[in-house]
Amino acid sequence: MKSLKPYYPIFKFVATFAVLYIGFSILYYLFLDVEWSSQLYPDPVTAQVAYQTQELLILLGYNAQTLNSVGHPSVLVFIDESVLFRIIEGCNAVSVMILFTAFVVAFSKGFKKTLLFLLFGILFIYVVNLIRLVILGIVFYSYSDYSDVAHDIIFPAVIYGAVVLLWIFWIKDIKTSRIEKS
């Protein structure tokens, strides 16, 4: 039987990733379980993302508004007093950021470089998500025939594609720095 020693880095990565992903997910669940005031409803991150989506739509010339949804933990987004969609907790990209963070930390070498890349990556994911929501608002308002395809296929591919590109950059950068040290 072959030795498992050559596979140790793979096992270490998978175990580290799993522990971090589960741990961060539990912490996020506990964060969401807090009873937030009506001002920060449904939670502070989702409320902020909804507000920034509204402000960007206004900046682009749309008569946009948001309103906390009664009885449903979400924020309604309106243009010209017509409801376009709800922004729920899953729309704030935090779960995507958790997935990104667990991968980067599990595949890291060096605290400072990892921390800087995490900060850049999380900010990048946040901005891509905001742009995604603004474009979705425009699609729902002006091109409603394409709203399902945009919401269910195109924009998930955009946000997860951005994460995969960040991961590829991270792996390539680590691999390059390891080669340079040799």
Protein backbone atom coordinates (compact mmCIF):
# COMPACT_ATOMS: atom_id res chain seq x y z
CA MET A 1 0.00 0.00 0.00
CA LYS A 2 1.26 3.45 -0.91
CA SER A 3 2.14 5.95 1.75
CA LEU A 4 -0.33 8.76 2.38
CA LYS A 5 2.50 11.20 3.14
CA PRO A 6 2.54 12.77 -0.35
CA TYR A 7 -1.16 13.58 0.07
CA TYR A 8 -0.75 15.29 3.44
CA PRO A 9 -0.94 18.85 1.96
CA ILE A 10 -4.22 17.98 0.26
CA PHE A 11 -5.72 16.51 3.43
CA LYS A 12 -4.49 19.53 5.41
CA PHE A 13 -6.05 21.95 2.91
CA VAL A 14 -9.41 20.13 2.86
CA ALA A 15 -9.55 19.84 6.67
CA THR A 16 -8.54 23.48 7.19
CA PHE A 17 -11.02 24.68 4.58
CA ALA A 18 -13.86 22.61 6.09
CA VAL A 19 -13.18 23.77 9.66
CA LEU A 20 -12.92 27.43 8.61
CA TYR A 21 -15.99 27.31 6.37
CA ILE A 22 -18.13 25.63 9.01
CA GLY A 23 -16.79 27.91 11.77
CA PHE A 24 -17.34 31.14 9.81
CA SER A 25 -20.78 29.92 8.71
CA ILE A 26 -21.80 29.23 12.32
CA LEU A 27 -20.57 32.68 13.38
CA TYR A 28 -22.54 34.25 10.54
CA TYR A 29 -25.63 32.27 11.50
CA LEU A 30 -25.30 33.55 15.08
CA PHE A 31 -24.92 37.10 13.70
CA LEU A 32 -28.12 36.68 11.69
CA ASP A 33 -29.92 35.22 14.69
CA VAL A 34 -29.58 38.52 16.59
CA GLU A 35 -32.79 40.53 16.76
CA TRP A 36 -31.94 43.65 14.77
CA SER A 37 -33.85 46.90 15.14
CA SER A 38 -36.25 47.98 12.41
CA GLN A 39 -33.62 50.47 11.18
CA LEU A 40 -31.13 47.68 10.43
CA TYR A 41 -33.73 45.15 9.30
CA PRO A 42 -33.24 42.37 8.29
CA ASP A 43 -29.56 42.62 9.36
CA PRO A 44 -26.97 45.43 9.10
CA VAL A 45 -25.14 44.01 6.08
CA THR A 46 -28.27 43.34 4.02
CA ALA A 47 -29.68 46.74 5.02
CA GLN A 48 -26.46 48.46 3.88
CA VAL A 49 -26.35 46.57 0.58
CA ALA A 50 -30.01 47.49 -0.09
CA TYR A 51 -29.36 51.16 0.73
CA GLN A 52 -26.28 51.29 -1.51
CA THR A 53 -28.19 49.58 -4.33
CA GLN A 54 -30.89 52.25 -4.03
CA GLU A 55 -28.32 55.07 -4.02
CA LEU A 56 -26.50 53.72 -7.07
CA LEU A 57 -29.78 53.36 -8.97
CA ILE A 58 -30.62 56.98 -8.06
CA LEU A 59 -27.14 58.04 -9.22
CA LEU A 60 -27.92 56.38 -12.57
CA GLY A 61 -31.12 58.42 -12.88
CA TYR A 62 -33.74 55.97 -11.62
CA ASN A 63 -36.43 56.91 -9.12
CA ALA A 64 -35.41 54.14 -6.71
CA GLN A 65 -36.55 53.50 -3.16
CA THR A 66 -36.16 50.73 -0.61
CA LEU A 67 -38.53 49.66 2.11
CA ASN A 68 -38.23 47.01 4.80
CA SER A 69 -40.57 44.15 4.01
CA VAL A 70 -43.15 43.55 6.73
CA GLY A 71 -43.21 39.95 7.93
CA HIS A 72 -40.36 38.83 5.69
CA PRO A 73 -36.67 39.44 6.51
CA SER A 74 -35.92 41.40 3.37
CA VAL A 75 -35.79 44.85 1.83
CA LEU A 76 -38.03 45.67 -1.13
CA VAL A 77 -36.46 47.61 -4.00
CA PHE A 78 -38.75 49.91 -6.00
CA ILE A 79 -38.34 51.98 -9.15
CA ASP A 80 -41.16 54.42 -9.90
CA GLU A 81 -43.20 52.87 -7.07
CA SER A 82 -43.13 49.41 -8.69
CA VAL A 83 -41.57 46.58 -6.68
CA LEU A 84 -38.66 45.09 -8.60
CA PHE A 85 -37.34 42.49 -6.17
CA ARG A 86 -36.46 41.72 -2.57
CA ILE A 87 -32.95 41.86 -1.22
CA ILE A 88 -32.67 39.03 1.27
CA GLU A 89 -29.75 37.92 3.40
CA GLY A 90 -28.51 35.67 0.58
CA CYS A 91 -28.17 38.70 -1.71
CA ASN A 92 -25.56 40.43 0.44
CA ALA A 93 -22.71 38.12 -0.70
CA VAL A 94 -21.52 37.38 2.85
CA SER A 95 -21.82 33.62 2.29
CA VAL A 96 -19.71 34.01 -0.86
CA MET A 97 -17.15 36.01 1.15
CA ILE A 98 -17.05 33.23 3.76
CA LEU A 99 -16.39 30.64 1.05
CA PHE A 100 -13.67 32.87 -0.44
CA THR A 101 -12.04 33.51 2.95
CA ALA A 102 -11.99 29.84 3.99
CA PHE A 103 -10.27 28.89 0.73
CA VAL A 104 -7.66 31.67 0.86
CA VAL A 105 -6.77 31.05 4.50
CA ALA A 106 -6.61 27.28 3.97
CA PHE A 107 -4.25 27.86 1.05
CA SER A 108 -2.18 30.61 2.63
CA LYS A 109 1.43 31.26 3.33
CA GLY A 110 2.30 34.39 5.25
CA PHE A 111 -0.02 36.44 7.43
CA LYS A 112 0.45 39.90 5.88
CA LYS A 113 0.06 38.80 2.26
CA THR A 114 -2.99 36.67 3.10
CA LEU A 115 -4.63 39.48 5.08
CA LEU A 116 -4.09 42.02 2.30
CA PHE A 117 -5.47 39.63 -0.31
CA LEU A 118 -8.49 38.87 1.88
CA LEU A 119 -9.25 42.57 2.32
CA PHE A 120 -8.89 43.19 -1.42
CA GLY A 121 -10.92 40.09 -2.32
CA ILE A 122 -13.77 40.79 0.08
CA LEU A 123 -13.99 44.40 -1.10
CA PHE A 124 -13.93 43.19 -4.72
CA ILE A 125 -16.72 40.67 -4.06
CA TYR A 126 -18.76 43.35 -2.28
CA VAL A 127 -18.42 45.77 -5.21
CA VAL A 128 -19.17 43.08 -7.82
CA ASN A 129 -22.28 42.15 -5.81
CA LEU A 130 -23.45 45.78 -5.64
CA ILE A 131 -22.98 46.16 -9.39
CA ARG A 132 -24.85 42.87 -9.84
CA LEU A 133 -27.82 44.14 -7.82
CA VAL A 134 -27.92 47.48 -9.64
CA ILE A 135 -27.85 45.80 -13.06
CA LEU A 136 -30.48 43.33 -11.87
CA GLY A 137 -32.66 46.29 -10.88
CA ILE A 138 -32.27 47.76 -14.36
CA VAL A 139 -32.99 44.39 -15.99
CA PHE A 140 -36.07 43.82 -13.82
CA TYR A 141 -37.32 47.34 -14.60
CA SER A 142 -36.49 47.72 -18.30
CA TYR A 143 -36.02 44.17 -19.58
CA SER A 144 -38.34 42.08 -17.43
CA ASP A 145 -38.48 39.26 -20.00
CA TYR A 146 -34.85 38.51 -19.10
CA SER A 147 -35.19 38.84 -15.33
CA ASP A 148 -35.27 35.09 -14.56
CA VAL A 149 -32.26 34.31 -16.74
CA ALA A 150 -30.35 37.28 -15.31
CA HIS A 151 -31.17 36.41 -11.69
CA ASP A 152 -30.89 32.63 -11.85
CA ILE A 153 -28.06 32.07 -14.36
CA ILE A 154 -26.05 35.09 -15.50
CA PHE A 155 -25.44 36.90 -12.23
CA PRO A 156 -24.68 33.85 -10.07
CA ALA A 157 -22.12 32.97 -12.75
CA VAL A 158 -20.70 36.50 -12.50
CA ILE A 159 -20.29 36.50 -8.71
CA TYR A 160 -18.97 32.94 -8.45
CA GLY A 161 -16.83 33.49 -11.54
CA ALA A 162 -15.25 36.50 -9.83
CA VAL A 163 -14.45 34.34 -6.80
CA VAL A 164 -12.93 31.59 -8.93
CA LEU A 165 -10.77 34.17 -10.72
CA LEU A 166 -9.59 35.52 -7.36
CA TRP A 167 -8.76 31.97 -6.23
CA ILE A 168 -6.82 31.28 -9.44
CA PHE A 169 -4.87 34.50 -8.95
CA TRP A 170 -4.18 33.53 -5.32
CA ILE A 171 -2.97 30.02 -6.16
CA LYS A 172 -0.85 31.31 -9.03
CA ASP A 173 0.66 34.01 -6.82
CA ILE A 174 1.50 31.51 -4.05
CA LYS A 175 2.94 29.06 -6.56
CA THR A 176 5.05 31.84 -8.15
CA SER A 177 6.34 33.07 -4.78
CA ARG A 178 7.26 29.49 -3.77
CA ILE A 179 9.20 29.04 -7.02
CA GLU A 180 11.00 32.38 -6.51
CA LYS A 181 12.08 31.30 -3.00
CA SER A 182 13.57 28.07 -4.38
